[in-house]
ModelCIF file with pLDDT and N, C-alpha, C, O atoms, coordinates in Angstrom:
data_MODEL
#
_entry.id   MODEL 
#
_entity.id                         1 
_entity.type                       polymer 
_entity.pdbx_number_of_molecules   1 
#
_entity_poly.entity_id                      1 
_entity_poly.type                           'polypeptide(L)' 
_entity_poly.nstd_linkage                   no 
_entity_poly.nstd_monomer                   no 
_entity_poly.pdbx_seq_one_letter_code       
;(UNK)(UNK)(UNK)(UNK)(UNK)(UNK)(UNK)(UNK)(UNK)(UNK)(UNK)(UNK)(UNK)(UNK)(UNK)(UNK)
(UNK)(UNK)(UNK)(UNK)(UNK)(UNK)(UNK)(UNK)(UNK)(UNK)(UNK)(UNK)(UNK)(UNK)(UNK)(UNK)
(UNK)(UNK)(UNK)(UNK)(UNK)(UNK)(UNK)(UNK)(UNK)(UNK)(UNK)(UNK)(UNK)
;
_entity_poly.pdbx_seq_one_letter_code_can   XXXXXXXXXXXXXXXXXXXXXXXXXXXXXXXXXXXXXXXXXXXXX 
_entity_poly.pdbx_strand_id                 A 
#
loop_
_entity_poly_seq.entity_id 
_entity_poly_seq.num 
_entity_poly_seq.mon_id 
_entity_poly_seq.hetero 
1 1  UNK n 
1 2  UNK n 
1 3  UNK n 
1 4  UNK n 
1 5  UNK n 
1 6  UNK n 
1 7  UNK n 
1 8  UNK n 
1 9  UNK n 
1 10 UNK n 
1 11 UNK n 
1 12 UNK n 
1 13 UNK n 
1 14 UNK n 
1 15 UNK n 
1 16 UNK n 
1 17 UNK n 
1 18 UNK n 
1 19 UNK n 
1 20 UNK n 
1 21 UNK n 
1 22 UNK n 
1 23 UNK n 
1 24 UNK n 
1 25 UNK n 
1 26 UNK n 
1 27 UNK n 
1 28 UNK n 
1 29 UNK n 
1 30 UNK n 
1 31 UNK n 
1 32 UNK n 
1 33 UNK n 
1 34 UNK n 
1 35 UNK n 
1 36 UNK n 
1 37 UNK n 
1 38 UNK n 
1 39 UNK n 
1 40 UNK n 
1 41 UNK n 
1 42 UNK n 
1 43 UNK n 
1 44 UNK n 
1 45 UNK n 
#
_struct_asym.id          A 
_struct_asym.entity_id   1 
#
loop_
_ma_qa_metric.id 
_ma_qa_metric.mode 
_ma_qa_metric.name 
_ma_qa_metric.software_group_id 
_ma_qa_metric.type 
1 global pLDDT . pLDDT 
2 local  pLDDT . pLDDT 
#
_ma_qa_metric_global.metric_id      1 
_ma_qa_metric_global.metric_value   93.71 
_ma_qa_metric_global.model_id       1 
_ma_qa_metric_global.ordinal_id     1 
#
loop_
_ma_qa_metric_local.label_asym_id 
_ma_qa_metric_local.label_comp_id 
_ma_qa_metric_local.label_seq_id 
_ma_qa_metric_local.metric_id 
_ma_qa_metric_local.metric_value 
_ma_qa_metric_local.model_id 
_ma_qa_metric_local.ordinal_id 
A UNK 1  2 97.00 1 1  
A UNK 2  2 95.00 1 2  
A UNK 3  2 94.00 1 3  
A UNK 4  2 95.00 1 4  
A UNK 5  2 96.00 1 5  
A UNK 6  2 97.00 1 6  
A UNK 7  2 97.00 1 7  
A UNK 8  2 97.00 1 8  
A UNK 9  2 96.00 1 9  
A UNK 10 2 95.00 1 10 
A UNK 11 2 92.00 1 11 
A UNK 12 2 92.00 1 12 
A UNK 13 2 87.00 1 13 
A UNK 14 2 89.00 1 14 
A UNK 15 2 91.00 1 15 
A UNK 16 2 94.00 1 16 
A UNK 17 2 95.00 1 17 
A UNK 18 2 95.00 1 18 
A UNK 19 2 95.00 1 19 
A UNK 20 2 96.00 1 20 
A UNK 21 2 96.00 1 21 
A UNK 22 2 95.00 1 22 
A UNK 23 2 95.00 1 23 
A UNK 24 2 96.00 1 24 
A UNK 25 2 96.00 1 25 
A UNK 26 2 95.00 1 26 
A UNK 27 2 95.00 1 27 
A UNK 28 2 95.00 1 28 
A UNK 29 2 95.00 1 29 
A UNK 30 2 92.00 1 30 
A UNK 31 2 91.00 1 31 
A UNK 32 2 85.00 1 32 
A UNK 33 2 93.00 1 33 
A UNK 34 2 95.00 1 34 
A UNK 35 2 94.00 1 35 
A UNK 36 2 95.00 1 36 
A UNK 37 2 95.00 1 37 
A UNK 38 2 94.00 1 38 
A UNK 39 2 94.00 1 39 
A UNK 40 2 92.00 1 40 
A UNK 41 2 93.00 1 41 
A UNK 42 2 92.00 1 42 
A UNK 43 2 92.00 1 43 
A UNK 44 2 91.00 1 44 
A UNK 45 2 86.00 1 45 
#
loop_
_atom_site.group_PDB 
_atom_site.id 
_atom_site.type_symbol 
_atom_site.label_atom_id 
_atom_site.label_alt_id 
_atom_site.label_comp_id 
_atom_site.label_asym_id 
_atom_site.label_entity_id 
_atom_site.label_seq_id 
_atom_site.pdbx_PDB_ins_code 
_atom_site.Cartn_x 
_atom_site.Cartn_y 
_atom_site.Cartn_z 
_atom_site.occupancy 
_atom_site.B_iso_or_equiv 
_atom_site.pdbx_formal_charge 
_atom_site.auth_seq_id 
_atom_site.auth_comp_id 
_atom_site.auth_asym_id 
_atom_site.auth_atom_id 
_atom_site.pdbx_PDB_model_num 
ATOM 1   N N  . UNK A 1 1  ? 28.680 -24.855 -13.049 1.00 97.00 ? 1  UNK A N  1 
ATOM 2   C CA . UNK A 1 1  ? 28.077 -26.009 -12.404 1.00 97.00 ? 1  UNK A CA 1 
ATOM 3   C C  . UNK A 1 1  ? 29.050 -26.595 -11.381 1.00 97.00 ? 1  UNK A C  1 
ATOM 4   O O  . UNK A 1 1  ? 30.263 -26.415 -11.484 1.00 97.00 ? 1  UNK A O  1 
ATOM 5   N N  . UNK A 1 2  ? 28.498 -27.296 -10.398 1.00 95.00 ? 2  UNK A N  1 
ATOM 6   C CA . UNK A 1 2  ? 29.347 -28.004 -9.447  1.00 95.00 ? 2  UNK A CA 1 
ATOM 7   C C  . UNK A 1 2  ? 30.189 -29.033 -10.206 1.00 95.00 ? 2  UNK A C  1 
ATOM 8   O O  . UNK A 1 2  ? 29.700 -29.691 -11.124 1.00 95.00 ? 2  UNK A O  1 
ATOM 9   N N  . UNK A 1 3  ? 31.445 -29.161 -9.816  1.00 94.00 ? 3  UNK A N  1 
ATOM 10  C CA . UNK A 1 3  ? 32.330 -30.065 -10.527 1.00 94.00 ? 3  UNK A CA 1 
ATOM 11  C C  . UNK A 1 3  ? 33.050 -29.363 -11.652 1.00 94.00 ? 3  UNK A C  1 
ATOM 12  O O  . UNK A 1 3  ? 33.440 -28.204 -11.517 1.00 94.00 ? 3  UNK A O  1 
ATOM 13  N N  . UNK A 1 4  ? 33.230 -30.058 -12.768 1.00 95.00 ? 4  UNK A N  1 
ATOM 14  C CA . UNK A 1 4  ? 34.084 -29.544 -13.833 1.00 95.00 ? 4  UNK A CA 1 
ATOM 15  C C  . UNK A 1 4  ? 33.345 -28.791 -14.939 1.00 95.00 ? 4  UNK A C  1 
ATOM 16  O O  . UNK A 1 4  ? 33.984 -28.073 -15.709 1.00 95.00 ? 4  UNK A O  1 
ATOM 17  N N  . UNK A 1 5  ? 32.021 -28.931 -15.045 1.00 96.00 ? 5  UNK A N  1 
ATOM 18  C CA . UNK A 1 5  ? 31.294 -28.390 -16.196 1.00 96.00 ? 5  UNK A CA 1 
ATOM 19  C C  . UNK A 1 5  ? 31.142 -26.863 -16.108 1.00 96.00 ? 5  UNK A C  1 
ATOM 20  O O  . UNK A 1 5  ? 30.806 -26.307 -15.063 1.00 96.00 ? 5  UNK A O  1 
ATOM 21  N N  . UNK A 1 6  ? 31.404 -26.210 -17.257 1.00 97.00 ? 6  UNK A N  1 
ATOM 22  C CA . UNK A 1 6  ? 31.258 -24.767 -17.382 1.00 97.00 ? 6  UNK A CA 1 
ATOM 23  C C  . UNK A 1 6  ? 30.575 -24.478 -18.708 1.00 97.00 ? 6  UNK A C  1 
ATOM 24  O O  . UNK A 1 6  ? 30.948 -25.039 -19.738 1.00 97.00 ? 6  UNK A O  1 
ATOM 25  N N  . UNK A 1 7  ? 29.572 -23.601 -18.685 1.00 97.00 ? 7  UNK A N  1 
ATOM 26  C CA . UNK A 1 7  ? 28.820 -23.239 -19.881 1.00 97.00 ? 7  UNK A CA 1 
ATOM 27  C C  . UNK A 1 7  ? 28.748 -21.719 -19.962 1.00 97.00 ? 7  UNK A C  1 
ATOM 28  O O  . UNK A 1 7  ? 28.452 -21.060 -18.965 1.00 97.00 ? 7  UNK A O  1 
ATOM 29  N N  . UNK A 1 8  ? 29.018 -21.154 -21.145 1.00 97.00 ? 8  UNK A N  1 
ATOM 30  C CA . UNK A 1 8  ? 28.846 -19.720 -21.292 1.00 97.00 ? 8  UNK A CA 1 
ATOM 31  C C  . UNK A 1 8  ? 28.313 -19.401 -22.682 1.00 97.00 ? 8  UNK A C  1 
ATOM 32  O O  . UNK A 1 8  ? 28.363 -20.225 -23.595 1.00 97.00 ? 8  UNK A O  1 
ATOM 33  N N  . UNK A 1 9  ? 27.795 -18.168 -22.818 1.00 96.00 ? 9  UNK A N  1 
ATOM 34  C CA . UNK A 1 9  ? 27.143 -17.754 -24.054 1.00 96.00 ? 9  UNK A CA 1 
ATOM 35  C C  . UNK A 1 9  ? 27.888 -16.578 -24.658 1.00 96.00 ? 9  UNK A C  1 
ATOM 36  O O  . UNK A 1 9  ? 28.220 -15.607 -23.978 1.00 96.00 ? 9  UNK A O  1 
ATOM 37  N N  . UNK A 1 10 ? 28.141 -16.692 -25.951 1.00 95.00 ? 10 UNK A N  1 
ATOM 38  C CA . UNK A 1 10 ? 28.922 -15.702 -26.681 1.00 95.00 ? 10 UNK A CA 1 
ATOM 39  C C  . UNK A 1 10 ? 28.091 -15.167 -27.839 1.00 95.00 ? 10 UNK A C  1 
ATOM 40  O O  . UNK A 1 10 ? 27.518 -15.935 -28.612 1.00 95.00 ? 10 UNK A O  1 
ATOM 41  N N  . UNK A 1 11 ? 28.031 -13.841 -27.952 1.00 92.00 ? 11 UNK A N  1 
ATOM 42  C CA . UNK A 1 11 ? 27.360 -13.210 -29.091 1.00 92.00 ? 11 UNK A CA 1 
ATOM 43  C C  . UNK A 1 11 ? 28.412 -12.741 -30.093 1.00 92.00 ? 11 UNK A C  1 
ATOM 44  O O  . UNK A 1 11 ? 29.380 -12.079 -29.719 1.00 92.00 ? 11 UNK A O  1 
ATOM 45  N N  . UNK A 1 12 ? 28.220 -13.087 -31.368 1.00 92.00 ? 12 UNK A N  1 
ATOM 46  C CA . UNK A 1 12 ? 29.193 -12.676 -32.387 1.00 92.00 ? 12 UNK A CA 1 
ATOM 47  C C  . UNK A 1 12 ? 28.465 -12.216 -33.634 1.00 92.00 ? 12 UNK A C  1 
ATOM 48  O O  . UNK A 1 12 ? 27.303 -12.558 -33.852 1.00 92.00 ? 12 UNK A O  1 
ATOM 49  N N  . UNK A 1 13 ? 29.166 -11.430 -34.460 1.00 87.00 ? 13 UNK A N  1 
ATOM 50  C CA . UNK A 1 13 ? 28.556 -10.932 -35.692 1.00 87.00 ? 13 UNK A CA 1 
ATOM 51  C C  . UNK A 1 13 ? 29.252 -11.425 -36.948 1.00 87.00 ? 13 UNK A C  1 
ATOM 52  O O  . UNK A 1 13 ? 28.875 -11.047 -38.057 1.00 87.00 ? 13 UNK A O  1 
ATOM 53  N N  . UNK A 1 14 ? 30.273 -12.272 -36.780 1.00 89.00 ? 14 UNK A N  1 
ATOM 54  C CA . UNK A 1 14 ? 30.890 -12.892 -37.955 1.00 89.00 ? 14 UNK A CA 1 
ATOM 55  C C  . UNK A 1 14 ? 31.673 -14.124 -37.518 1.00 89.00 ? 14 UNK A C  1 
ATOM 56  O O  . UNK A 1 14 ? 32.104 -14.230 -36.370 1.00 89.00 ? 14 UNK A O  1 
ATOM 57  N N  . UNK A 1 15 ? 31.848 -15.047 -38.449 1.00 91.00 ? 15 UNK A N  1 
ATOM 58  C CA . UNK A 1 15 ? 32.459 -16.333 -38.145 1.00 91.00 ? 15 UNK A CA 1 
ATOM 59  C C  . UNK A 1 15 ? 33.912 -16.183 -37.694 1.00 91.00 ? 15 UNK A C  1 
ATOM 60  O O  . UNK A 1 15 ? 34.374 -16.938 -36.837 1.00 91.00 ? 15 UNK A O  1 
ATOM 61  N N  . UNK A 1 16 ? 34.623 -15.229 -38.255 1.00 94.00 ? 16 UNK A N  1 
ATOM 62  C CA . UNK A 1 16 ? 36.029 -15.059 -37.880 1.00 94.00 ? 16 UNK A CA 1 
ATOM 63  C C  . UNK A 1 16 ? 36.164 -14.652 -36.417 1.00 94.00 ? 16 UNK A C  1 
ATOM 64  O O  . UNK A 1 16 ? 37.034 -15.154 -35.705 1.00 94.00 ? 16 UNK A O  1 
ATOM 65  N N  . UNK A 1 17 ? 35.293 -13.735 -35.968 1.00 95.00 ? 17 UNK A N  1 
ATOM 66  C CA . UNK A 1 17 ? 35.329 -13.324 -34.571 1.00 95.00 ? 17 UNK A CA 1 
ATOM 67  C C  . UNK A 1 17 ? 35.040 -14.516 -33.666 1.00 95.00 ? 17 UNK A C  1 
ATOM 68  O O  . UNK A 1 17 ? 35.718 -14.709 -32.656 1.00 95.00 ? 17 UNK A O  1 
ATOM 69  N N  . UNK A 1 18 ? 34.032 -15.320 -34.026 1.00 95.00 ? 18 UNK A N  1 
ATOM 70  C CA . UNK A 1 18 ? 33.696 -16.496 -33.226 1.00 95.00 ? 18 UNK A CA 1 
ATOM 71  C C  . UNK A 1 18 ? 34.871 -17.463 -33.142 1.00 95.00 ? 18 UNK A C  1 
ATOM 72  O O  . UNK A 1 18 ? 35.206 -17.941 -32.059 1.00 95.00 ? 18 UNK A O  1 
ATOM 73  N N  . UNK A 1 19 ? 35.497 -17.753 -34.278 1.00 95.00 ? 19 UNK A N  1 
ATOM 74  C CA . UNK A 1 19 ? 36.614 -18.699 -34.288 1.00 95.00 ? 19 UNK A CA 1 
ATOM 75  C C  . UNK A 1 19 ? 37.792 -18.178 -33.464 1.00 95.00 ? 19 UNK A C  1 
ATOM 76  O O  . UNK A 1 19 ? 38.483 -18.954 -32.804 1.00 95.00 ? 19 UNK A O  1 
ATOM 77  N N  . UNK A 1 20 ? 38.016 -16.874 -33.504 1.00 96.00 ? 20 UNK A N  1 
ATOM 78  C CA . UNK A 1 20 ? 39.097 -16.277 -32.714 1.00 96.00 ? 20 UNK A CA 1 
ATOM 79  C C  . UNK A 1 20 ? 38.827 -16.427 -31.216 1.00 96.00 ? 20 UNK A C  1 
ATOM 80  O O  . UNK A 1 20 ? 39.720 -16.786 -30.448 1.00 96.00 ? 20 UNK A O  1 
ATOM 81  N N  . UNK A 1 21 ? 37.583 -16.147 -30.810 1.00 96.00 ? 21 UNK A N  1 
ATOM 82  C CA . UNK A 1 21 ? 37.222 -16.284 -29.398 1.00 96.00 ? 21 UNK A CA 1 
ATOM 83  C C  . UNK A 1 21 ? 37.276 -17.736 -28.942 1.00 96.00 ? 21 UNK A C  1 
ATOM 84  O O  . UNK A 1 21 ? 37.684 -18.026 -27.817 1.00 96.00 ? 21 UNK A O  1 
ATOM 85  N N  . UNK A 1 22 ? 36.866 -18.639 -29.815 1.00 95.00 ? 22 UNK A N  1 
ATOM 86  C CA . UNK A 1 22 ? 36.904 -20.056 -29.485 1.00 95.00 ? 22 UNK A CA 1 
ATOM 87  C C  . UNK A 1 22 ? 38.343 -20.527 -29.296 1.00 95.00 ? 22 UNK A C  1 
ATOM 88  O O  . UNK A 1 22 ? 38.634 -21.287 -28.372 1.00 95.00 ? 22 UNK A O  1 
ATOM 89  N N  . UNK A 1 23 ? 39.236 -20.079 -30.165 1.00 95.00 ? 23 UNK A N  1 
ATOM 90  C CA . UNK A 1 23 ? 40.645 -20.438 -30.031 1.00 95.00 ? 23 UNK A CA 1 
ATOM 91  C C  . UNK A 1 23 ? 41.231 -19.863 -28.748 1.00 95.00 ? 23 UNK A C  1 
ATOM 92  O O  . UNK A 1 23 ? 42.068 -20.498 -28.106 1.00 95.00 ? 23 UNK A O  1 
ATOM 93  N N  . UNK A 1 24 ? 40.796 -18.666 -28.375 1.00 96.00 ? 24 UNK A N  1 
ATOM 94  C CA . UNK A 1 24 ? 41.253 -18.067 -27.124 1.00 96.00 ? 24 UNK A CA 1 
ATOM 95  C C  . UNK A 1 24 ? 40.835 -18.923 -25.936 1.00 96.00 ? 24 UNK A C  1 
ATOM 96  O O  . UNK A 1 24 ? 41.621 -19.130 -25.011 1.00 96.00 ? 24 UNK A O  1 
ATOM 97  N N  . UNK A 1 25 ? 39.612 -19.418 -25.957 1.00 96.00 ? 25 UNK A N  1 
ATOM 98  C CA . UNK A 1 25 ? 39.137 -20.289 -24.874 1.00 96.00 ? 25 UNK A CA 1 
ATOM 99  C C  . UNK A 1 25 ? 39.963 -21.566 -24.816 1.00 96.00 ? 25 UNK A C  1 
ATOM 100 O O  . UNK A 1 25 ? 40.316 -22.036 -23.734 1.00 96.00 ? 25 UNK A O  1 
ATOM 101 N N  . UNK A 1 26 ? 40.270 -22.122 -25.976 1.00 95.00 ? 26 UNK A N  1 
ATOM 102 C CA . UNK A 1 26 ? 41.096 -23.340 -26.002 1.00 95.00 ? 26 UNK A CA 1 
ATOM 103 C C  . UNK A 1 26 ? 42.452 -23.097 -25.339 1.00 95.00 ? 26 UNK A C  1 
ATOM 104 O O  . UNK A 1 26 ? 42.940 -23.936 -24.584 1.00 95.00 ? 26 UNK A O  1 
ATOM 105 N N  . UNK A 1 27 ? 43.043 -21.961 -25.624 1.00 95.00 ? 27 UNK A N  1 
ATOM 106 C CA . UNK A 1 27 ? 44.379 -21.680 -25.094 1.00 95.00 ? 27 UNK A CA 1 
ATOM 107 C C  . UNK A 1 27 ? 44.370 -21.417 -23.598 1.00 95.00 ? 27 UNK A C  1 
ATOM 108 O O  . UNK A 1 27 ? 45.230 -21.918 -22.873 1.00 95.00 ? 27 UNK A O  1 
ATOM 109 N N  . UNK A 1 28 ? 43.400 -20.631 -23.129 1.00 95.00 ? 28 UNK A N  1 
ATOM 110 C CA . UNK A 1 28 ? 43.419 -20.278 -21.711 1.00 95.00 ? 28 UNK A CA 1 
ATOM 111 C C  . UNK A 1 28 ? 42.862 -21.393 -20.829 1.00 95.00 ? 28 UNK A C  1 
ATOM 112 O O  . UNK A 1 28 ? 43.191 -21.468 -19.645 1.00 95.00 ? 28 UNK A O  1 
ATOM 113 N N  . UNK A 1 29 ? 42.017 -22.263 -21.399 1.00 95.00 ? 29 UNK A N  1 
ATOM 114 C CA . UNK A 1 29 ? 41.423 -23.339 -20.596 1.00 95.00 ? 29 UNK A CA 1 
ATOM 115 C C  . UNK A 1 29 ? 42.257 -24.616 -20.623 1.00 95.00 ? 29 UNK A C  1 
ATOM 116 O O  . UNK A 1 29 ? 42.250 -25.403 -19.677 1.00 95.00 ? 29 UNK A O  1 
ATOM 117 N N  . UNK A 1 30 ? 42.986 -24.804 -21.744 1.00 92.00 ? 30 UNK A N  1 
ATOM 118 C CA . UNK A 1 30 ? 43.734 -26.049 -21.963 1.00 92.00 ? 30 UNK A CA 1 
ATOM 119 C C  . UNK A 1 30 ? 42.827 -27.274 -21.864 1.00 92.00 ? 30 UNK A C  1 
ATOM 120 O O  . UNK A 1 30 ? 43.276 -28.367 -21.517 1.00 92.00 ? 30 UNK A O  1 
ATOM 121 N N  . UNK A 1 31 ? 41.532 -27.073 -22.176 1.00 91.00 ? 31 UNK A N  1 
ATOM 122 C CA . UNK A 1 31 ? 40.569 -28.174 -22.131 1.00 91.00 ? 31 UNK A CA 1 
ATOM 123 C C  . UNK A 1 31 ? 40.805 -29.132 -23.288 1.00 91.00 ? 31 UNK A C  1 
ATOM 124 O O  . UNK A 1 31 ? 41.143 -28.707 -24.393 1.00 91.00 ? 31 UNK A O  1 
ATOM 125 N N  . UNK A 1 32 ? 40.630 -30.408 -23.038 1.00 85.00 ? 32 UNK A N  1 
ATOM 126 C CA . UNK A 1 32 ? 40.828 -31.400 -24.078 1.00 85.00 ? 32 UNK A CA 1 
ATOM 127 C C  . UNK A 1 32 ? 39.723 -31.356 -25.132 1.00 85.00 ? 32 UNK A C  1 
ATOM 128 O O  . UNK A 1 32 ? 39.953 -31.660 -26.302 1.00 85.00 ? 32 UNK A O  1 
ATOM 129 N N  . UNK A 1 33 ? 38.536 -30.978 -24.706 1.00 93.00 ? 33 UNK A N  1 
ATOM 130 C CA . UNK A 1 33 ? 37.412 -30.934 -25.642 1.00 93.00 ? 33 UNK A CA 1 
ATOM 131 C C  . UNK A 1 33 ? 36.521 -29.745 -25.319 1.00 93.00 ? 33 UNK A C  1 
ATOM 132 O O  . UNK A 1 33 ? 36.174 -29.519 -24.160 1.00 93.00 ? 33 UNK A O  1 
ATOM 133 N N  . UNK A 1 34 ? 36.151 -28.985 -26.346 1.00 95.00 ? 34 UNK A N  1 
ATOM 134 C CA . UNK A 1 34 ? 35.225 -27.874 -26.210 1.00 95.00 ? 34 UNK A CA 1 
ATOM 135 C C  . UNK A 1 34 ? 34.100 -28.077 -27.218 1.00 95.00 ? 34 UNK A C  1 
ATOM 136 O O  . UNK A 1 34 ? 34.347 -28.291 -28.405 1.00 95.00 ? 34 UNK A O  1 
ATOM 137 N N  . UNK A 1 35 ? 32.875 -28.009 -26.736 1.00 94.00 ? 35 UNK A N  1 
ATOM 138 C CA . UNK A 1 35 ? 31.722 -28.187 -27.613 1.00 94.00 ? 35 UNK A CA 1 
ATOM 139 C C  . UNK A 1 35 ? 30.948 -26.881 -27.707 1.00 94.00 ? 35 UNK A C  1 
ATOM 140 O O  . UNK A 1 35 ? 31.002 -26.046 -26.804 1.00 94.00 ? 35 UNK A O  1 
ATOM 141 N N  . UNK A 1 36 ? 30.234 -26.717 -28.801 1.00 95.00 ? 36 UNK A N  1 
ATOM 142 C CA . UNK A 1 36 ? 29.466 -25.493 -28.988 1.00 95.00 ? 36 UNK A CA 1 
ATOM 143 C C  . UNK A 1 36 ? 28.273 -25.751 -29.901 1.00 95.00 ? 36 UNK A C  1 
ATOM 144 O O  . UNK A 1 36 ? 28.276 -26.687 -30.701 1.00 95.00 ? 36 UNK A O  1 
ATOM 145 N N  . UNK A 1 37 ? 27.255 -24.908 -29.768 1.00 95.00 ? 37 UNK A N  1 
ATOM 146 C CA . UNK A 1 37 ? 26.052 -25.023 -30.592 1.00 95.00 ? 37 UNK A CA 1 
ATOM 147 C C  . UNK A 1 37 ? 25.344 -23.677 -30.601 1.00 95.00 ? 37 UNK A C  1 
ATOM 148 O O  . UNK A 1 37 ? 25.540 -22.856 -29.705 1.00 95.00 ? 37 UNK A O  1 
ATOM 149 N N  . UNK A 1 38 ? 24.519 -23.455 -31.619 1.00 94.00 ? 38 UNK A N  1 
ATOM 150 C CA . UNK A 1 38 ? 23.813 -22.178 -31.758 1.00 94.00 ? 38 UNK A CA 1 
ATOM 151 C C  . UNK A 1 38 ? 22.568 -22.132 -30.878 1.00 94.00 ? 38 UNK A C  1 
ATOM 152 O O  . UNK A 1 38 ? 21.890 -23.139 -30.673 1.00 94.00 ? 38 UNK A O  1 
ATOM 153 N N  . UNK A 1 39 ? 22.290 -20.944 -30.369 1.00 94.00 ? 39 UNK A N  1 
ATOM 154 C CA . UNK A 1 39 ? 21.030 -20.682 -29.684 1.00 94.00 ? 39 UNK A CA 1 
ATOM 155 C C  . UNK A 1 39 ? 19.979 -20.374 -30.753 1.00 94.00 ? 39 UNK A C  1 
ATOM 156 O O  . UNK A 1 39 ? 20.211 -19.510 -31.599 1.00 94.00 ? 39 UNK A O  1 
ATOM 157 N N  . UNK A 1 40 ? 18.837 -21.053 -30.739 1.00 92.00 ? 40 UNK A N  1 
ATOM 158 C CA . UNK A 1 40 ? 17.872 -20.944 -31.860 1.00 92.00 ? 40 UNK A CA 1 
ATOM 159 C C  . UNK A 1 40 ? 16.936 -19.749 -31.773 1.00 92.00 ? 40 UNK A C  1 
ATOM 160 O O  . UNK A 1 40 ? 15.744 -19.910 -31.514 1.00 92.00 ? 40 UNK A O  1 
ATOM 161 N N  . UNK A 1 41 ? 17.465 -18.556 -31.988 1.00 93.00 ? 41 UNK A N  1 
ATOM 162 C CA . UNK A 1 41 ? 16.606 -17.388 -32.064 1.00 93.00 ? 41 UNK A CA 1 
ATOM 163 C C  . UNK A 1 41 ? 15.804 -17.436 -33.359 1.00 93.00 ? 41 UNK A C  1 
ATOM 164 O O  . UNK A 1 41 ? 16.288 -17.966 -34.359 1.00 93.00 ? 41 UNK A O  1 
ATOM 165 N N  . UNK A 1 42 ? 14.585 -16.892 -33.361 1.00 92.00 ? 42 UNK A N  1 
ATOM 166 C CA . UNK A 1 42 ? 13.792 -16.885 -34.602 1.00 92.00 ? 42 UNK A CA 1 
ATOM 167 C C  . UNK A 1 42 ? 14.387 -15.936 -35.641 1.00 92.00 ? 42 UNK A C  1 
ATOM 168 O O  . UNK A 1 42 ? 15.163 -15.039 -35.310 1.00 92.00 ? 42 UNK A O  1 
ATOM 169 N N  . UNK A 1 43 ? 14.015 -16.148 -36.883 1.00 92.00 ? 43 UNK A N  1 
ATOM 170 C CA . UNK A 1 43 ? 14.450 -15.241 -37.936 1.00 92.00 ? 43 UNK A CA 1 
ATOM 171 C C  . UNK A 1 43 ? 13.894 -13.844 -37.669 1.00 92.00 ? 43 UNK A C  1 
ATOM 172 O O  . UNK A 1 43 ? 12.796 -13.691 -37.133 1.00 92.00 ? 43 UNK A O  1 
ATOM 173 N N  . UNK A 1 44 ? 14.661 -12.840 -38.046 1.00 91.00 ? 44 UNK A N  1 
ATOM 174 C CA . UNK A 1 44 ? 14.252 -11.456 -37.787 1.00 91.00 ? 44 UNK A CA 1 
ATOM 175 C C  . UNK A 1 44 ? 14.734 -10.584 -38.932 1.00 91.00 ? 44 UNK A C  1 
ATOM 176 O O  . UNK A 1 44 ? 15.937 -10.420 -39.135 1.00 91.00 ? 44 UNK A O  1 
ATOM 177 N N  . UNK A 1 45 ? 13.790 -10.026 -39.678 1.00 86.00 ? 45 UNK A N  1 
ATOM 178 C CA . UNK A 1 45 ? 14.150 -9.248  -40.872 1.00 86.00 ? 45 UNK A CA 1 
ATOM 179 C C  . UNK A 1 45 ? 13.664 -7.798  -40.802 1.00 86.00 ? 45 UNK A C  1 
ATOM 180 O O  . UNK A 1 45 ? 13.892 -7.025  -41.732 1.00 86.00 ? 45 UNK A O  1 
#
């Protein structure tokens, strides 16, 4: 987005991988605050 806002989407298959990628973003961005939320895909069995 114009200005400071940046949004991206990450696909993961386990919580540890997600937390590792999130920590990587914190380190390379040096952002004071990072927010995240799930994309609401329907259940699929």
